[in-house]
Amino acid sequence: MPQPLKASHVESKTDPTVANQWDDKTPKKQQIDDFYKTVDGMKIGLLTTLRSGIGPVARSMAIAKE
C-alpha cells in the first residue's frame, strides 16, 4: 500500500504536472499539443464539475475519437 500523499510533498521538483500548470515559458501551442498527445493515449477520463452547496462531482467518461 503506498504512503499517503501530503500537500507538502507536491511541488514542481517532484511532480511535473505542478510545474506544467505554472509554465509560462513554453509556447501555448506546444502546451496544447503536449496535452492532446497525453489525452490521445487514454481510453477513459474524468469529467469534474463543481456543484454549489455540494462540492466537486466527478464521473468517468469514455474519450471520444474523431
C-alpha atoms as a PDB file:
ATOM      1  CA  MET A   1       0.000   0.000   0.000  1.00  0.00           C
ATOM      2  CA  PRO A   2       1.532   3.378  -0.930  1.00  0.00           C
ATOM      3  CA  GLN A   3       2.137   6.004   1.708  1.00  0.00           C
ATOM      4  CA  PRO A   4      -0.480   8.795   1.951  1.00  0.00           C
ATOM      5  CA  LEU A   5       0.398  11.847  -0.147  1.00  0.00           C
ATOM      6  CA  LYS A   6       0.803  15.093   1.758  1.00  0.00           C
ATOM      7  CA  ALA A   7       0.426  18.547   0.206  1.00  0.00           C
ATOM      8  CA  SER A   8       3.968  19.390   1.309  1.00  0.00           C
ATOM      9  CA  HIS A   9       5.293  16.570  -0.911  1.00  0.00           C
ATOM     10  CA  VAL A  10       3.772  18.019  -4.102  1.00  0.00           C
ATOM     11  CA  GLU A  11       5.926  20.646  -5.748  1.00  0.00           C
ATOM     12  CA  SER A  12       7.350  21.317  -9.190  1.00  0.00           C
ATOM     13  CA  LYS A  13      10.522  19.368  -8.393  1.00  0.00           C
ATOM     14  CA  THR A  14       8.647  16.174  -7.514  1.00  0.00           C
ATOM     15  CA  ASP A  15       5.509  16.427  -9.683  1.00  0.00           C
ATOM     16  CA  PRO A  16       5.864  17.528 -13.323  1.00  0.00           C
ATOM     17  CA  THR A  17       2.145  18.313 -13.601  1.00  0.00           C
ATOM     18  CA  VAL A  18       2.550  21.032 -10.973  1.00  0.00           C
ATOM     19  CA  ALA A  19       5.406  22.563 -12.958  1.00  0.00           C
ATOM     20  CA  ASN A  20       3.321  22.432 -16.154  1.00  0.00           C
ATOM     21  CA  GLN A  21       0.457  24.350 -14.534  1.00  0.00           C
ATOM     22  CA  TRP A  22       2.713  27.353 -13.907  1.00  0.00           C
ATOM     23  CA  ASP A  23       4.826  27.099 -17.074  1.00  0.00           C
ATOM     24  CA  ASP A  24       4.774  30.471 -18.833  1.00  0.00           C
ATOM     25  CA  LYS A  25       7.942  29.947 -20.883  1.00  0.00           C
ATOM     26  CA  THR A  26       6.692  27.169 -23.183  1.00  0.00           C
ATOM     27  CA  PRO A  27       4.514  28.480 -26.041  1.00  0.00           C
ATOM     28  CA  LYS A  28       0.777  27.777 -25.596  1.00  0.00           C
ATOM     29  CA  LYS A  29       0.659  25.911 -28.925  1.00  0.00           C
ATOM     30  CA  GLN A  30       3.263  23.440 -27.660  1.00  0.00           C
ATOM     31  CA  GLN A  31       1.467  23.081 -24.304  1.00  0.00           C
ATOM     32  CA  ILE A  32      -1.797  22.289 -26.103  1.00  0.00           C
ATOM     33  CA  ASP A  33      -0.044  19.806 -28.418  1.00  0.00           C
ATOM     34  CA  ASP A  34       1.517  18.092 -25.378  1.00  0.00           C
ATOM     35  CA  PHE A  35      -1.901  17.917 -23.718  1.00  0.00           C
ATOM     36  CA  TYR A  36      -3.506  16.306 -26.773  1.00  0.00           C
ATOM     37  CA  LYS A  37      -0.611  13.847 -27.052  1.00  0.00           C
ATOM     38  CA  THR A  38      -1.293  12.757 -23.468  1.00  0.00           C
ATOM     39  CA  VAL A  39      -5.075  12.545 -23.912  1.00  0.00           C
ATOM     40  CA  ASP A  40      -4.825  10.604 -27.184  1.00  0.00           C
ATOM     41  CA  GLY A  41      -3.276   7.718 -25.253  1.00  0.00           C
ATOM     42  CA  MET A  42      -6.196   7.467 -22.819  1.00  0.00           C
ATOM     43  CA  LYS A  43      -9.398   5.456 -23.046  1.00  0.00           C
ATOM     44  CA  ILE A  44     -11.235   6.858 -20.020  1.00  0.00           C
ATOM     45  CA  GLY A  45     -11.184  10.267 -18.355  1.00  0.00           C
ATOM     46  CA  LEU A  46     -12.975  12.105 -15.548  1.00  0.00           C
ATOM     47  CA  LEU A  47     -15.355  14.980 -16.092  1.00  0.00           C
ATOM     48  CA  THR A  48     -15.411  17.022 -12.900  1.00  0.00           C
ATOM     49  CA  THR A  49     -17.884  19.791 -12.137  1.00  0.00           C
ATOM     50  CA  LEU A  50     -18.427  21.934  -9.069  1.00  0.00           C
ATOM     51  CA  ARG A  51     -21.957  21.938  -7.669  1.00  0.00           C
ATOM     52  CA  SER A  52     -22.880  24.758  -5.352  1.00  0.00           C
ATOM     53  CA  GLY A  53     -23.653  23.518  -1.869  1.00  0.00           C
ATOM     54  CA  ILE A  54     -22.257  20.059  -2.684  1.00  0.00           C
ATOM     55  CA  GLY A  55     -18.703  20.483  -3.943  1.00  0.00           C
ATOM     56  CA  PRO A  56     -16.824  18.698  -6.717  1.00  0.00           C
ATOM     57  CA  VAL A  57     -18.611  15.866  -8.503  1.00  0.00           C
ATOM     58  CA  ALA A  58     -16.717  13.609 -10.946  1.00  0.00           C
ATOM     59  CA  ARG A  59     -17.859  10.919 -13.338  1.00  0.00           C
ATOM     60  CA  SER A  60     -15.864   8.684 -15.670  1.00  0.00           C
ATOM     61  CA  MET A  61     -16.409   9.111 -19.385  1.00  0.00           C
ATOM     62  CA  ALA A  62     -15.059   7.393 -22.460  1.00  0.00           C
ATOM     63  CA  ILE A  63     -12.742   9.501 -24.607  1.00  0.00           C
ATOM     64  CA  ALA A  64     -14.389  10.342 -27.940  1.00  0.00           C
ATOM     65  CA  LYS A  65     -12.222   9.812 -31.014  1.00  0.00           C
ATOM     66  CA  GLU A  66     -12.647  11.690 -34.276  1.00  0.00           C
END
